[in-house]
């Protein structure tokens, strides 16, 4: 079976605040807004992020009871430093500072207003020595 699309859901007490965060920092647009359920996406992408009110009848009670997120959503952006600066200037604390990894990412971690972990990733050229050691050509 191949899924037709992909989506993830953030469960929160404040759907509008969480949706606004993704609009402001990741340029996602609201596709559906029912108040208790909001979806955001980028253009005509075949994925979306749903934001659902904690305690709503459609959310299992066991999920609504959780208050700490251990999920990590990755967002690939053009400029990780620019996103980090915008977040910091707005008073959003970064969980880690931007760092460049030898395997080809410049990234940092931040949490959305619901506490969901985000790995904000900029793809950069990998270190040639790392490539040679880890992905040798045949």
N, C-alpha and C. Protein backbone atom coordinates (compact mmCIF):
# COMPACT_ATOMS: atom_id res chain seq x y z
N UNK A 1 0.84 -1.19 0.00
CA UNK A 1 0.00 0.00 0.00
C UNK A 1 0.87 1.24 0.00
N UNK A 2 0.53 2.20 -0.82
CA UNK A 2 1.23 3.48 -0.84
C UNK A 2 0.24 4.56 -0.43
N UNK A 3 0.57 5.34 0.62
CA UNK A 3 -0.33 6.43 1.02
C UNK A 3 -0.47 7.45 -0.11
N UNK A 4 -1.64 8.01 -0.23
CA UNK A 4 -1.89 9.02 -1.25
C UNK A 4 -1.31 10.37 -0.87
N UNK A 5 -1.14 10.60 0.42
CA UNK A 5 -0.60 11.87 0.92
C UNK A 5 -0.09 11.64 2.33
N UNK A 6 0.49 12.68 2.92
CA UNK A 6 0.99 12.60 4.29
C UNK A 6 0.55 13.83 5.05
N UNK A 7 0.24 13.62 6.30
CA UNK A 7 -0.07 14.74 7.19
C UNK A 7 0.29 14.37 8.61
N UNK A 8 0.58 15.36 9.40
CA UNK A 8 0.84 15.19 10.82
C UNK A 8 -0.10 16.11 11.57
N UNK A 9 -0.33 15.80 12.85
CA UNK A 9 -1.26 16.59 13.64
C UNK A 9 -0.61 17.05 14.93
N UNK A 10 -0.78 18.32 15.24
CA UNK A 10 -0.40 18.89 16.53
C UNK A 10 -1.68 19.02 17.33
N UNK A 11 -1.70 18.46 18.52
CA UNK A 11 -2.85 18.58 19.42
C UNK A 11 -2.50 19.64 20.45
N UNK A 12 -3.37 20.63 20.60
CA UNK A 12 -3.05 21.79 21.43
C UNK A 12 -4.31 22.41 22.04
N UNK A 13 -4.10 23.19 23.07
CA UNK A 13 -5.19 23.97 23.65
C UNK A 13 -5.43 25.25 22.87
N UNK A 14 -4.51 25.61 21.96
CA UNK A 14 -4.58 26.89 21.26
C UNK A 14 -4.34 26.74 19.76
N UNK A 15 -5.28 26.15 19.02
CA UNK A 15 -5.06 25.92 17.59
C UNK A 15 -4.73 27.18 16.79
N UNK A 16 -5.41 28.28 17.04
CA UNK A 16 -5.17 29.50 16.26
C UNK A 16 -3.75 30.03 16.48
N UNK A 17 -3.26 29.98 17.71
CA UNK A 17 -1.92 30.45 18.01
C UNK A 17 -0.87 29.59 17.32
N UNK A 18 -1.08 28.28 17.32
CA UNK A 18 -0.13 27.37 16.68
C UNK A 18 -0.16 27.58 15.16
N UNK A 19 -1.34 27.73 14.58
CA UNK A 19 -1.44 27.99 13.14
C UNK A 19 -0.73 29.28 12.77
N UNK A 20 -0.90 30.33 13.57
CA UNK A 20 -0.25 31.61 13.31
C UNK A 20 1.27 31.48 13.32
N UNK A 21 1.79 30.65 14.22
CA UNK A 21 3.24 30.40 14.29
C UNK A 21 3.75 29.84 12.97
N UNK A 22 3.07 28.83 12.44
CA UNK A 22 3.50 28.22 11.18
C UNK A 22 3.31 29.17 10.00
N UNK A 23 2.30 30.00 10.05
CA UNK A 23 2.12 31.00 9.00
C UNK A 23 3.27 32.01 9.02
N UNK A 24 3.59 32.50 10.20
CA UNK A 24 4.59 33.56 10.34
C UNK A 24 6.00 33.09 10.00
N UNK A 25 6.41 31.94 10.52
CA UNK A 25 7.81 31.54 10.40
C UNK A 25 8.10 30.55 9.27
N UNK A 26 7.08 29.87 8.77
CA UNK A 26 7.31 28.87 7.73
C UNK A 26 6.48 29.12 6.47
N UNK A 27 5.83 30.26 6.42
CA UNK A 27 5.08 30.67 5.23
C UNK A 27 4.05 29.64 4.80
N UNK A 28 3.40 28.99 5.78
CA UNK A 28 2.33 28.05 5.47
C UNK A 28 1.01 28.80 5.48
N UNK A 29 0.10 28.38 4.62
CA UNK A 29 -1.19 29.03 4.51
C UNK A 29 -2.27 28.13 5.10
N UNK A 30 -3.28 28.76 5.67
CA UNK A 30 -4.42 28.01 6.20
C UNK A 30 -5.24 27.48 5.04
N UNK A 31 -5.49 26.18 5.06
CA UNK A 31 -6.33 25.55 4.04
C UNK A 31 -7.75 25.34 4.57
N UNK A 32 -7.85 24.97 5.85
CA UNK A 32 -9.14 24.75 6.51
C UNK A 32 -9.06 25.38 7.89
N UNK A 33 -10.09 26.10 8.28
CA UNK A 33 -10.15 26.65 9.64
C UNK A 33 -11.55 26.46 10.20
N UNK A 34 -11.70 25.46 11.05
CA UNK A 34 -12.97 25.20 11.72
C UNK A 34 -12.93 25.67 13.17
N UNK A 35 -11.87 26.38 13.54
CA UNK A 35 -11.70 26.81 14.92
C UNK A 35 -11.02 25.73 15.74
N UNK A 36 -11.67 24.61 15.89
CA UNK A 36 -11.11 23.50 16.66
C UNK A 36 -10.15 22.65 15.83
N UNK A 37 -10.19 22.82 14.51
CA UNK A 37 -9.36 22.06 13.58
C UNK A 37 -8.90 23.00 12.47
N UNK A 38 -7.59 23.11 12.31
CA UNK A 38 -7.02 23.99 11.30
C UNK A 38 -5.96 23.18 10.54
N UNK A 39 -5.92 23.32 9.23
CA UNK A 39 -4.83 22.72 8.47
C UNK A 39 -4.04 23.84 7.80
N UNK A 40 -2.72 23.64 7.76
CA UNK A 40 -1.84 24.57 7.08
C UNK A 40 -1.00 23.78 6.09
N UNK A 41 -0.66 24.43 4.99
CA UNK A 41 0.15 23.79 3.97
C UNK A 41 0.86 24.86 3.16
N UNK A 42 1.76 24.42 2.33
CA UNK A 42 2.49 25.33 1.46
C UNK A 42 2.03 25.10 0.03
N UNK A 43 1.34 26.09 -0.52
CA UNK A 43 0.87 25.99 -1.89
C UNK A 43 0.06 24.74 -2.13
N UNK A 44 0.41 24.03 -3.20
CA UNK A 44 -0.33 22.82 -3.55
C UNK A 44 0.45 21.55 -3.15
N UNK A 45 1.26 21.67 -2.10
CA UNK A 45 2.02 20.52 -1.61
C UNK A 45 1.09 19.36 -1.32
N UNK A 46 1.61 18.15 -1.44
CA UNK A 46 0.78 16.97 -1.17
C UNK A 46 0.89 16.53 0.29
N UNK A 47 1.28 17.44 1.18
CA UNK A 47 1.31 17.19 2.61
C UNK A 47 0.69 18.39 3.32
N UNK A 48 0.25 18.16 4.53
CA UNK A 48 -0.28 19.25 5.32
C UNK A 48 -0.05 18.98 6.79
N UNK A 49 -0.13 20.03 7.57
CA UNK A 49 -0.03 19.93 9.01
C UNK A 49 -1.39 20.30 9.59
N UNK A 50 -1.96 19.38 10.35
CA UNK A 50 -3.25 19.64 10.99
C UNK A 50 -2.99 20.08 12.43
N UNK A 51 -3.85 20.94 12.92
CA UNK A 51 -3.76 21.43 14.28
C UNK A 51 -5.15 21.24 14.88
N UNK A 52 -5.21 20.46 15.94
CA UNK A 52 -6.51 20.07 16.49
C UNK A 52 -6.61 20.43 17.96
N UNK A 53 -7.79 20.85 18.37
CA UNK A 53 -8.07 21.22 19.76
C UNK A 53 -7.98 20.01 20.68
N UNK A 54 -7.14 20.13 21.72
CA UNK A 54 -7.04 19.09 22.74
C UNK A 54 -8.42 18.90 23.38
N UNK A 55 -8.83 17.66 23.56
CA UNK A 55 -10.11 17.37 24.18
C UNK A 55 -11.27 17.27 23.22
N UNK A 56 -11.06 17.60 21.94
CA UNK A 56 -12.15 17.47 20.96
C UNK A 56 -12.53 16.00 20.82
N UNK A 57 -13.78 15.74 20.52
CA UNK A 57 -14.29 14.37 20.43
C UNK A 57 -13.54 13.51 19.41
N UNK A 58 -12.92 14.13 18.42
CA UNK A 58 -12.20 13.37 17.40
C UNK A 58 -10.80 12.95 17.85
N UNK A 59 -10.35 13.48 18.97
CA UNK A 59 -9.01 13.18 19.49
C UNK A 59 -9.14 12.12 20.58
N UNK A 60 -8.44 10.99 20.46
CA UNK A 60 -8.52 9.98 21.52
C UNK A 60 -8.16 10.59 22.88
N UNK A 61 -8.87 10.18 23.91
CA UNK A 61 -8.64 10.72 25.26
C UNK A 61 -7.19 10.54 25.69
N UNK A 62 -6.58 9.42 25.33
CA UNK A 62 -5.18 9.18 25.72
C UNK A 62 -4.25 10.21 25.08
N UNK A 63 -4.57 10.65 23.86
CA UNK A 63 -3.75 11.68 23.20
C UNK A 63 -4.00 13.03 23.87
N UNK A 64 -5.25 13.36 24.13
CA UNK A 64 -5.56 14.63 24.78
C UNK A 64 -4.93 14.74 26.16
N UNK A 65 -4.72 13.61 26.82
CA UNK A 65 -4.13 13.63 28.16
C UNK A 65 -2.64 13.95 28.13
N UNK A 66 -2.00 13.76 26.99
CA UNK A 66 -0.57 14.05 26.89
C UNK A 66 -0.35 15.55 26.79
N UNK A 67 0.62 16.05 27.52
CA UNK A 67 0.90 17.48 27.46
C UNK A 67 2.30 17.79 26.97
N UNK A 68 3.13 16.77 26.82
CA UNK A 68 4.51 16.97 26.37
C UNK A 68 4.72 16.21 25.07
N UNK A 69 5.17 16.91 24.05
CA UNK A 69 5.39 16.30 22.74
C UNK A 69 6.78 15.70 22.67
N UNK A 70 6.88 14.51 22.09
CA UNK A 70 8.18 13.92 21.78
C UNK A 70 8.36 13.76 20.28
N UNK A 71 7.41 14.26 19.50
CA UNK A 71 7.54 14.23 18.05
C UNK A 71 8.52 15.31 17.61
N UNK A 72 9.20 15.06 16.50
CA UNK A 72 10.07 16.06 15.90
C UNK A 72 9.66 16.16 14.43
N UNK A 73 9.25 17.35 14.02
CA UNK A 73 8.92 17.60 12.62
C UNK A 73 10.10 18.33 12.00
N UNK A 74 10.53 17.89 10.83
CA UNK A 74 11.61 18.54 10.11
C UNK A 74 11.07 19.45 9.03
N UNK A 75 11.58 20.66 8.99
CA UNK A 75 11.22 21.61 7.93
C UNK A 75 12.49 22.02 7.21
N UNK A 76 12.55 21.75 5.91
CA UNK A 76 13.69 22.16 5.10
C UNK A 76 13.40 23.57 4.59
N UNK A 77 14.34 24.48 4.87
CA UNK A 77 14.18 25.89 4.50
C UNK A 77 15.38 26.32 3.66
N UNK A 78 15.26 27.47 3.02
CA UNK A 78 16.36 28.00 2.21
C UNK A 78 17.50 28.55 3.07
N UNK A 79 17.16 29.15 4.21
CA UNK A 79 18.15 29.83 5.04
C UNK A 79 17.83 29.63 6.52
N UNK A 80 18.47 28.68 7.15
CA UNK A 80 18.21 28.37 8.56
C UNK A 80 18.54 29.56 9.46
N UNK A 81 19.60 30.27 9.16
CA UNK A 81 19.98 31.42 9.99
C UNK A 81 18.93 32.52 9.94
N UNK A 82 18.34 32.73 8.78
CA UNK A 82 17.30 33.75 8.64
C UNK A 82 16.07 33.37 9.47
N UNK A 83 15.68 32.10 9.44
CA UNK A 83 14.53 31.64 10.23
C UNK A 83 14.86 31.76 11.72
N UNK A 84 16.07 31.35 12.11
CA UNK A 84 16.48 31.45 13.51
C UNK A 84 16.45 32.90 13.99
N UNK A 85 16.92 33.81 13.16
CA UNK A 85 16.92 35.23 13.53
C UNK A 85 15.50 35.76 13.69
N UNK A 86 14.61 35.38 12.77
CA UNK A 86 13.21 35.85 12.86
C UNK A 86 12.55 35.33 14.14
N UNK A 87 12.79 34.08 14.47
CA UNK A 87 12.23 33.51 15.69
C UNK A 87 12.78 34.22 16.92
N UNK A 88 14.09 34.38 16.98
CA UNK A 88 14.74 35.02 18.12
C UNK A 88 14.27 36.46 18.28
N UNK A 89 14.21 37.20 17.18
CA UNK A 89 13.77 38.60 17.23
C UNK A 89 12.34 38.73 17.73
N UNK A 90 11.54 37.69 17.53
CA UNK A 90 10.14 37.70 17.99
C UNK A 90 10.01 37.16 19.42
N UNK A 91 11.13 36.78 20.02
CA UNK A 91 11.09 36.29 21.39
C UNK A 91 10.86 34.80 21.52
N UNK A 92 10.93 34.07 20.42
CA UNK A 92 10.77 32.61 20.48
C UNK A 92 12.14 32.02 20.80
N UNK A 93 12.25 31.30 21.92
CA UNK A 93 13.56 30.74 22.27
C UNK A 93 13.93 29.54 21.40
N UNK A 94 15.17 29.51 20.95
CA UNK A 94 15.68 28.36 20.22
C UNK A 94 16.11 27.32 21.24
N UNK A 95 15.86 26.05 20.93
CA UNK A 95 16.30 24.97 21.81
C UNK A 95 17.78 24.66 21.59
N UNK A 96 18.28 24.86 20.37
CA UNK A 96 19.70 24.76 20.06
C UNK A 96 20.03 25.89 19.10
N UNK A 97 21.27 26.28 19.05
CA UNK A 97 21.72 27.28 18.10
C UNK A 97 21.99 26.60 16.75
N UNK A 98 21.92 27.34 15.64
CA UNK A 98 22.23 26.75 14.35
C UNK A 98 23.66 26.19 14.32
N UNK A 99 23.79 25.03 13.74
CA UNK A 99 25.09 24.37 13.62
C UNK A 99 25.16 23.71 12.24
N UNK A 100 26.34 23.70 11.67
CA UNK A 100 26.56 23.03 10.38
C UNK A 100 27.14 21.65 10.65
N UNK A 101 26.49 20.63 10.12
CA UNK A 101 26.90 19.24 10.29
C UNK A 101 27.71 18.79 9.08
N UNK A 102 28.67 17.92 9.31
CA UNK A 102 29.53 17.44 8.22
C UNK A 102 28.75 16.67 7.15
N UNK A 103 27.58 16.13 7.53
CA UNK A 103 26.81 15.32 6.58
C UNK A 103 25.90 16.15 5.67
N UNK A 104 25.96 17.48 5.76
CA UNK A 104 25.27 18.31 4.78
C UNK A 104 24.01 19.02 5.25
N UNK A 105 23.99 19.36 6.53
CA UNK A 105 22.85 20.14 7.04
C UNK A 105 23.37 21.26 7.93
N UNK A 106 22.72 22.41 7.82
CA UNK A 106 22.83 23.46 8.82
C UNK A 106 21.46 23.49 9.47
N UNK A 107 21.39 23.30 10.78
CA UNK A 107 20.07 23.16 11.39
C UNK A 107 20.07 23.60 12.84
N UNK A 108 18.85 23.77 13.36
CA UNK A 108 18.64 24.07 14.77
C UNK A 108 17.29 23.52 15.18
N UNK A 109 17.06 23.44 16.49
CA UNK A 109 15.79 22.96 17.03
C UNK A 109 15.07 24.10 17.74
N UNK A 110 13.76 24.09 17.58
CA UNK A 110 12.88 25.06 18.24
C UNK A 110 11.58 24.33 18.53
N UNK A 111 10.76 24.87 19.40
CA UNK A 111 9.44 24.29 19.66
C UNK A 111 8.37 25.26 19.22
N UNK A 112 7.27 24.71 18.69
CA UNK A 112 6.13 25.56 18.35
C UNK A 112 5.37 25.88 19.65
N UNK A 113 4.34 26.73 19.60
CA UNK A 113 3.63 27.10 20.82
C UNK A 113 2.97 25.93 21.56
N UNK A 114 2.76 24.80 20.87
CA UNK A 114 2.20 23.62 21.52
C UNK A 114 3.29 22.74 22.14
N UNK A 115 4.55 23.09 21.93
CA UNK A 115 5.66 22.30 22.46
C UNK A 115 6.20 21.26 21.51
N UNK A 116 5.68 21.20 20.29
CA UNK A 116 6.17 20.24 19.29
C UNK A 116 7.57 20.65 18.86
N UNK A 117 8.48 19.68 18.85
CA UNK A 117 9.85 19.93 18.44
C UNK A 117 9.93 20.10 16.93
N UNK A 118 10.69 21.09 16.47
CA UNK A 118 10.92 21.32 15.05
C UNK A 118 12.42 21.32 14.80
N UNK A 119 12.83 20.57 13.79
CA UNK A 119 14.21 20.58 13.32
C UNK A 119 14.19 21.41 12.04
N UNK A 120 14.74 22.61 12.10
CA UNK A 120 14.74 23.52 10.95
C UNK A 120 16.06 23.30 10.22
N UNK A 121 15.96 22.83 8.98
CA UNK A 121 17.11 22.30 8.24
C UNK A 121 17.35 23.08 6.95
N UNK A 122 18.59 23.47 6.76
CA UNK A 122 19.05 24.01 5.48
C UNK A 122 20.03 23.00 4.92
N UNK A 123 19.82 22.56 3.70
CA UNK A 123 20.75 21.63 3.07
C UNK A 123 21.98 22.39 2.59
N UNK A 124 23.15 21.89 2.96
CA UNK A 124 24.42 22.49 2.57
C UNK A 124 25.32 21.38 2.03
N UNK A 125 26.37 21.74 1.32
CA UNK A 125 27.26 20.69 0.81
C UNK A 125 27.91 19.92 1.96
N UNK A 126 27.91 18.58 1.87
CA UNK A 126 28.59 17.80 2.91
C UNK A 126 30.10 17.97 2.81
N UNK A 127 30.77 17.72 3.91
CA UNK A 127 32.22 17.77 3.95
C UNK A 127 32.77 16.66 3.05
N UNK A 128 33.69 16.98 2.13
CA UNK A 128 34.21 15.96 1.21
C UNK A 128 34.86 14.77 1.92
N UNK A 129 35.55 15.01 3.02
CA UNK A 129 36.18 13.90 3.76
C UNK A 129 35.11 13.00 4.37
N UNK A 130 34.04 13.60 4.87
CA UNK A 130 32.95 12.80 5.44
C UNK A 130 32.30 11.96 4.34
N UNK A 131 32.05 12.59 3.18
CA UNK A 131 31.47 11.84 2.04
C UNK A 131 32.35 10.64 1.67
N UNK A 132 33.63 10.87 1.55
CA UNK A 132 34.54 9.79 1.14
C UNK A 132 34.55 8.66 2.17
N UNK A 133 34.46 9.00 3.44
CA UNK A 133 34.52 7.99 4.49
C UNK A 133 33.19 7.24 4.66
N UNK A 134 32.08 7.90 4.37
CA UNK A 134 30.78 7.32 4.67
C UNK A 134 29.97 6.89 3.46
N UNK A 135 30.21 7.50 2.34
CA UNK A 135 29.47 7.15 1.12
C UNK A 135 30.42 7.00 -0.04
N UNK A 136 31.32 6.02 0.07
CA UNK A 136 32.30 5.85 -1.01
C UNK A 136 31.61 5.51 -2.33
N UNK A 137 32.19 6.02 -3.38
CA UNK A 137 31.64 5.70 -4.71
C UNK A 137 32.11 4.31 -5.10
N UNK A 138 31.31 3.65 -5.90
CA UNK A 138 31.66 2.27 -6.30
C UNK A 138 32.37 2.22 -7.60
